[in-house]
Amino acid sequence: MYFKTLSTILACNLLFILIAIPLILRRVPPNPVYGFRTRTTLADENIWYESNAYFGRNFVISSIISGIAVYLLYIYQYLLPEYFMKAGLFCLIAPPLIVIILTLRYSRVLNNRS
């Protein structure tokens, strides 16, 4: 149970990093499917690229932090399997939510500057 949870969460974090790389490199033009899409980012191409690069960088960082946190929980195994799974899900979900909030703030700041 521990290893299955660990490997699933690490695989998700790897997928998050792969998703973030084109955003960091500013390779994703404004579109209705992929990227950090809000009214503000879709209205201005400059804000789109800046916000998506910001989101991508922080998404990679949050994925690495998430992976380290789950790995440490796995190594020390202080938690029962069902609690480990819940803690792992929290580690997977909480960091990206923080990144979303920070990126919303950042895109608002960019919009106010322009």
N, C-alpha and C. Protein backbone atom coordinates (compact mmCIF):
# COMPACT_ATOMS: atom_id res chain seq x y z
N MET A 1 0.83 -1.20 0.00
CA MET A 1 0.00 0.00 0.00
C MET A 1 0.87 1.26 0.00
N TYR A 2 1.91 1.25 0.82
CA TYR A 2 2.77 2.43 0.90
C TYR A 2 3.45 2.70 -0.44
N PHE A 3 4.03 1.65 -1.02
CA PHE A 3 4.77 1.84 -2.26
C PHE A 3 3.85 2.23 -3.41
N LYS A 4 2.67 1.64 -3.47
CA LYS A 4 1.72 1.97 -4.53
C LYS A 4 1.32 3.45 -4.45
N THR A 5 1.05 3.92 -3.24
CA THR A 5 0.70 5.33 -3.06
C THR A 5 1.87 6.22 -3.45
N LEU A 6 3.06 5.88 -2.97
CA LEU A 6 4.26 6.66 -3.30
C LEU A 6 4.47 6.72 -4.80
N SER A 7 4.44 5.59 -5.47
CA SER A 7 4.72 5.58 -6.90
C SER A 7 3.65 6.33 -7.69
N THR A 8 2.41 6.24 -7.28
CA THR A 8 1.33 6.96 -7.97
C THR A 8 1.52 8.47 -7.84
N ILE A 9 1.83 8.92 -6.64
CA ILE A 9 2.00 10.35 -6.41
C ILE A 9 3.25 10.87 -7.11
N LEU A 10 4.33 10.11 -7.09
CA LEU A 10 5.53 10.53 -7.81
C LEU A 10 5.29 10.57 -9.31
N ALA A 11 4.52 9.63 -9.84
CA ALA A 11 4.18 9.64 -11.26
C ALA A 11 3.35 10.87 -11.62
N CYS A 12 2.42 11.22 -10.76
CA CYS A 12 1.62 12.44 -10.99
C CYS A 12 2.50 13.68 -10.97
N ASN A 13 3.43 13.72 -10.03
CA ASN A 13 4.34 14.87 -9.96
C ASN A 13 5.22 14.96 -11.21
N LEU A 14 5.67 13.82 -11.71
CA LEU A 14 6.46 13.82 -12.95
C LEU A 14 5.61 14.33 -14.11
N LEU A 15 4.37 13.89 -14.18
CA LEU A 15 3.46 14.37 -15.22
C LEU A 15 3.26 15.88 -15.10
N PHE A 16 3.09 16.39 -13.88
CA PHE A 16 2.93 17.83 -13.67
C PHE A 16 4.15 18.59 -14.20
N ILE A 17 5.34 18.06 -13.93
CA ILE A 17 6.57 18.71 -14.40
C ILE A 17 6.61 18.72 -15.92
N LEU A 18 6.26 17.61 -16.54
CA LEU A 18 6.25 17.55 -18.01
C LEU A 18 5.23 18.52 -18.61
N ILE A 19 4.11 18.69 -17.94
CA ILE A 19 3.10 19.64 -18.39
C ILE A 19 3.60 21.07 -18.26
N ALA A 20 4.39 21.33 -17.23
CA ALA A 20 4.85 22.69 -16.94
C ALA A 20 5.97 23.16 -17.87
N ILE A 21 6.77 22.25 -18.39
CA ILE A 21 7.95 22.65 -19.17
C ILE A 21 7.59 23.51 -20.38
N PRO A 22 6.62 23.15 -21.22
CA PRO A 22 6.29 24.04 -22.35
C PRO A 22 5.80 25.42 -21.89
N LEU A 23 5.15 25.47 -20.74
CA LEU A 23 4.69 26.76 -20.22
C LEU A 23 5.87 27.63 -19.82
N ILE A 24 6.85 27.03 -19.16
CA ILE A 24 8.05 27.76 -18.76
C ILE A 24 8.79 28.30 -19.98
N LEU A 25 8.86 27.48 -21.02
CA LEU A 25 9.57 27.86 -22.24
C LEU A 25 8.77 28.79 -23.14
N ARG A 26 7.55 29.12 -22.72
CA ARG A 26 6.67 30.04 -23.46
C ARG A 26 6.35 29.50 -24.86
N ARG A 27 6.14 28.19 -24.93
CA ARG A 27 5.84 27.53 -26.21
C ARG A 27 4.34 27.35 -26.45
N VAL A 28 3.53 27.69 -25.47
CA VAL A 28 2.09 27.47 -25.58
C VAL A 28 1.40 28.81 -25.83
N PRO A 29 0.87 29.02 -27.03
CA PRO A 29 0.16 30.27 -27.29
C PRO A 29 -1.20 30.27 -26.59
N PRO A 30 -1.80 31.44 -26.49
CA PRO A 30 -3.14 31.50 -25.87
C PRO A 30 -4.09 30.54 -26.59
N ASN A 31 -4.82 29.76 -25.80
CA ASN A 31 -5.74 28.77 -26.36
C ASN A 31 -6.77 28.43 -25.29
N PRO A 32 -7.86 27.78 -25.67
CA PRO A 32 -8.91 27.47 -24.69
C PRO A 32 -8.71 26.15 -23.94
N VAL A 33 -7.58 25.45 -24.15
CA VAL A 33 -7.44 24.12 -23.58
C VAL A 33 -6.27 23.99 -22.60
N TYR A 34 -5.10 24.48 -22.95
CA TYR A 34 -3.87 24.18 -22.22
C TYR A 34 -3.18 25.46 -21.77
N GLY A 35 -2.92 25.55 -20.48
CA GLY A 35 -2.24 26.71 -19.92
C GLY A 35 -3.03 27.27 -18.76
N PHE A 36 -2.51 28.35 -18.21
CA PHE A 36 -3.18 29.02 -17.10
C PHE A 36 -4.17 30.01 -17.71
N ARG A 37 -5.42 29.57 -17.83
CA ARG A 37 -6.42 30.33 -18.57
C ARG A 37 -7.36 31.07 -17.62
N THR A 38 -7.32 32.36 -17.70
CA THR A 38 -8.28 33.22 -17.01
C THR A 38 -8.69 34.31 -18.01
N ARG A 39 -9.66 35.09 -17.65
CA ARG A 39 -10.04 36.20 -18.54
C ARG A 39 -8.86 37.14 -18.76
N THR A 40 -8.12 37.38 -17.70
CA THR A 40 -6.99 38.30 -17.78
C THR A 40 -5.90 37.76 -18.70
N THR A 41 -5.55 36.48 -18.55
CA THR A 41 -4.46 35.94 -19.38
C THR A 41 -4.89 35.78 -20.84
N LEU A 42 -6.15 35.45 -21.06
CA LEU A 42 -6.62 35.29 -22.44
C LEU A 42 -6.82 36.62 -23.15
N ALA A 43 -6.96 37.70 -22.40
CA ALA A 43 -7.20 39.02 -23.00
C ALA A 43 -5.92 39.69 -23.50
N ASP A 44 -4.78 39.30 -22.95
CA ASP A 44 -3.52 39.97 -23.30
C ASP A 44 -2.43 38.91 -23.49
N GLU A 45 -1.85 38.88 -24.67
CA GLU A 45 -0.85 37.86 -24.98
C GLU A 45 0.39 37.96 -24.08
N ASN A 46 0.82 39.16 -23.76
CA ASN A 46 1.97 39.34 -22.89
C ASN A 46 1.69 38.77 -21.49
N ILE A 47 0.52 39.07 -20.96
CA ILE A 47 0.13 38.54 -19.64
C ILE A 47 0.01 37.02 -19.71
N TRP A 48 -0.49 36.50 -20.84
CA TRP A 48 -0.58 35.05 -21.01
C TRP A 48 0.79 34.39 -20.84
N TYR A 49 1.78 34.88 -21.59
CA TYR A 49 3.10 34.24 -21.55
C TYR A 49 3.77 34.42 -20.19
N GLU A 50 3.67 35.61 -19.63
CA GLU A 50 4.29 35.87 -18.32
C GLU A 50 3.64 35.03 -17.22
N SER A 51 2.33 34.99 -17.21
CA SER A 51 1.60 34.24 -16.18
C SER A 51 1.84 32.74 -16.31
N ASN A 52 1.86 32.25 -17.54
CA ASN A 52 2.08 30.82 -17.74
C ASN A 52 3.50 30.41 -17.41
N ALA A 53 4.48 31.26 -17.71
CA ALA A 53 5.85 30.96 -17.33
C ALA A 53 6.00 30.96 -15.81
N TYR A 54 5.38 31.93 -15.16
CA TYR A 54 5.39 32.00 -13.69
C TYR A 54 4.73 30.76 -13.09
N PHE A 55 3.56 30.42 -13.63
CA PHE A 55 2.85 29.23 -13.16
C PHE A 55 3.70 27.98 -13.37
N GLY A 56 4.28 27.83 -14.56
CA GLY A 56 5.08 26.65 -14.87
C GLY A 56 6.26 26.48 -13.94
N ARG A 57 7.00 27.57 -13.70
CA ARG A 57 8.15 27.49 -12.78
C ARG A 57 7.72 27.05 -11.39
N ASN A 58 6.67 27.67 -10.90
CA ASN A 58 6.21 27.36 -9.55
C ASN A 58 5.54 25.98 -9.48
N PHE A 59 4.95 25.55 -10.57
CA PHE A 59 4.35 24.22 -10.62
C PHE A 59 5.44 23.15 -10.51
N VAL A 60 6.57 23.38 -11.18
CA VAL A 60 7.70 22.45 -11.08
C VAL A 60 8.21 22.41 -9.64
N ILE A 61 8.40 23.58 -9.05
CA ILE A 61 8.89 23.65 -7.67
C ILE A 61 7.92 22.96 -6.72
N SER A 62 6.63 23.21 -6.89
CA SER A 62 5.65 22.59 -5.99
C SER A 62 5.60 21.07 -6.19
N SER A 63 5.81 20.61 -7.41
CA SER A 63 5.82 19.17 -7.67
C SER A 63 7.03 18.51 -7.02
N ILE A 64 8.16 19.18 -7.06
CA ILE A 64 9.37 18.65 -6.41
C ILE A 64 9.17 18.61 -4.90
N ILE A 65 8.64 19.68 -4.33
CA ILE A 65 8.38 19.72 -2.88
C ILE A 65 7.39 18.62 -2.50
N SER A 66 6.35 18.46 -3.29
CA SER A 66 5.36 17.42 -3.04
C SER A 66 6.00 16.04 -3.06
N GLY A 67 6.83 15.78 -4.06
CA GLY A 67 7.50 14.50 -4.16
C GLY A 67 8.42 14.22 -2.98
N ILE A 68 9.16 15.23 -2.57
CA ILE A 68 10.06 15.08 -1.41
C ILE A 68 9.25 14.80 -0.15
N ALA A 69 8.16 15.53 0.04
CA ALA A 69 7.33 15.34 1.24
C ALA A 69 6.77 13.93 1.30
N VAL A 70 6.24 13.44 0.18
CA VAL A 70 5.67 12.09 0.16
C VAL A 70 6.76 11.05 0.35
N TYR A 71 7.92 11.28 -0.25
CA TYR A 71 9.02 10.34 -0.09
C TYR A 71 9.47 10.27 1.38
N LEU A 72 9.53 11.41 2.04
CA LEU A 72 9.90 11.41 3.46
C LEU A 72 8.85 10.69 4.30
N LEU A 73 7.59 10.91 4.00
CA LEU A 73 6.54 10.17 4.70
C LEU A 73 6.67 8.67 4.46
N TYR A 74 7.05 8.30 3.25
CA TYR A 74 7.22 6.89 2.90
C TYR A 74 8.40 6.27 3.66
N ILE A 75 9.51 6.98 3.70
CA ILE A 75 10.71 6.44 4.35
C ILE A 75 10.48 6.19 5.83
N TYR A 76 9.86 7.15 6.50
CA TYR A 76 9.70 7.03 7.95
C TYR A 76 8.47 6.22 8.35
N GLN A 77 7.49 6.12 7.48
CA GLN A 77 6.28 5.32 7.69
C GLN A 77 5.71 5.41 9.11
N TYR A 78 5.54 6.65 9.57
CA TYR A 78 4.90 6.87 10.86
C TYR A 78 3.40 6.70 10.79
N LEU A 79 2.86 6.78 9.58
CA LEU A 79 1.41 6.76 9.40
C LEU A 79 0.92 5.38 9.00
N LEU A 80 -0.27 5.05 9.43
CA LEU A 80 -0.94 3.84 8.96
C LEU A 80 -1.21 4.01 7.47
N PRO A 81 -1.35 2.90 6.73
CA PRO A 81 -1.52 3.00 5.27
C PRO A 81 -2.64 3.94 4.82
N GLU A 82 -3.81 3.88 5.48
CA GLU A 82 -4.91 4.75 5.03
C GLU A 82 -4.61 6.23 5.31
N TYR A 83 -3.87 6.51 6.38
CA TYR A 83 -3.49 7.89 6.67
C TYR A 83 -2.35 8.35 5.77
N PHE A 84 -1.49 7.41 5.41
CA PHE A 84 -0.42 7.74 4.48
C PHE A 84 -1.00 8.15 3.13
N MET A 85 -2.01 7.42 2.68
CA MET A 85 -2.64 7.76 1.40
C MET A 85 -3.29 9.15 1.47
N LYS A 86 -3.97 9.45 2.57
CA LYS A 86 -4.60 10.77 2.71
C LYS A 86 -3.55 11.87 2.78
N ALA A 87 -2.47 11.62 3.53
CA ALA A 87 -1.40 12.61 3.62
C ALA A 87 -0.73 12.79 2.27
N GLY A 88 -0.56 11.69 1.53
CA GLY A 88 0.02 11.78 0.20
C GLY A 88 -0.84 12.58 -0.76
N LEU A 89 -2.14 12.38 -0.70
CA LEU A 89 -3.04 13.16 -1.54
C LEU A 89 -3.00 14.64 -1.17
N PHE A 90 -2.91 14.92 0.11
CA PHE A 90 -2.78 16.31 0.55
C PHE A 90 -1.50 16.92 -0.01
N CYS A 91 -0.40 16.17 0.06
CA CYS A 91 0.88 16.66 -0.48
C CYS A 91 0.83 16.85 -1.98
N LEU A 92 0.00 16.08 -2.66
CA LEU A 92 -0.14 16.19 -4.11
C LEU A 92 -1.01 17.39 -4.50
N ILE A 93 -2.04 17.66 -3.72
CA ILE A 93 -3.03 18.68 -4.08
C ILE A 93 -2.70 20.07 -3.53
N ALA A 94 -2.23 20.16 -2.30
CA ALA A 94 -2.03 21.46 -1.66
C ALA A 94 -1.01 22.36 -2.38
N PRO A 95 0.17 21.86 -2.73
CA PRO A 95 1.14 22.75 -3.39
C PRO A 95 0.63 23.35 -4.71
N PRO A 96 0.01 22.58 -5.61
CA PRO A 96 -0.51 23.22 -6.83
C PRO A 96 -1.62 24.24 -6.55
N LEU A 97 -2.43 24.00 -5.54
CA LEU A 97 -3.45 25.00 -5.19
C LEU A 97 -2.82 26.32 -4.77
N ILE A 98 -1.74 26.23 -4.02
CA ILE A 98 -1.02 27.44 -3.62
C ILE A 98 -0.46 28.14 -4.85
N VAL A 99 0.08 27.36 -5.79
CA VAL A 99 0.63 27.93 -7.03
C VAL A 99 -0.48 28.61 -7.84
N ILE A 100 -1.65 28.04 -7.89
CA ILE A 100 -2.77 28.65 -8.61
C ILE A 100 -3.13 30.00 -7.98
N ILE A 101 -3.21 30.04 -6.67
CA ILE A 101 -3.54 31.30 -5.98
C ILE A 101 -2.46 32.35 -6.24
N LEU A 102 -1.20 31.95 -6.14
CA LEU A 102 -0.11 32.90 -6.40
C LEU A 102 -0.12 33.40 -7.84
N THR A 103 -0.43 32.53 -8.77
CA THR A 103 -0.45 32.93 -10.18
C THR A 103 -1.63 33.85 -10.47
N LEU A 104 -2.76 33.61 -9.83
CA LEU A 104 -3.89 34.54 -9.99
C LEU A 104 -3.50 35.93 -9.52
N ARG A 105 -2.84 36.00 -8.38
CA ARG A 105 -2.36 37.29 -7.87
C ARG A 105 -1.37 37.92 -8.83
N TYR A 106 -0.42 37.13 -9.33
CA TYR A 106 0.60 37.63 -10.23
C TYR A 106 -0.01 38.17 -11.52
N SER A 107 -0.97 37.45 -12.10
CA SER A 107 -1.58 37.93 -13.34
C SER A 107 -2.39 39.20 -13.10
N ARG A 108 -2.99 39.33 -11.91
CA ARG A 108 -3.69 40.56 -11.57
C ARG A 108 -2.73 41.73 -11.50
N VAL A 109 -1.56 41.51 -10.90
CA VAL A 109 -0.53 42.56 -10.81
C VAL A 109 -0.08 42.95 -12.22
N LEU A 110 0.17 41.97 -13.07
CA LEU A 110 0.56 42.27 -14.45
C LEU A 110 -0.49 43.06 -15.18
N ASN A 111 -1.75 42.71 -14.97
CA ASN A 111 -2.85 43.42 -15.61
C ASN A 111 -2.93 44.86 -15.13
N ASN A 112 -2.70 45.08 -13.84
CA ASN A 112 -2.75 46.45 -13.30
C ASN A 112 -1.61 47.31 -13.81
N ARG A 113 -0.48 46.70 -14.12
CA ARG A 113 0.68 47.44 -14.66
C ARG A 113 0.45 47.87 -16.08
N SER A 114 -0.31 47.10 -16.84
CA SER A 114 -0.48 47.43 -18.27
C SER A 114 -1.66 48.32 -18.53
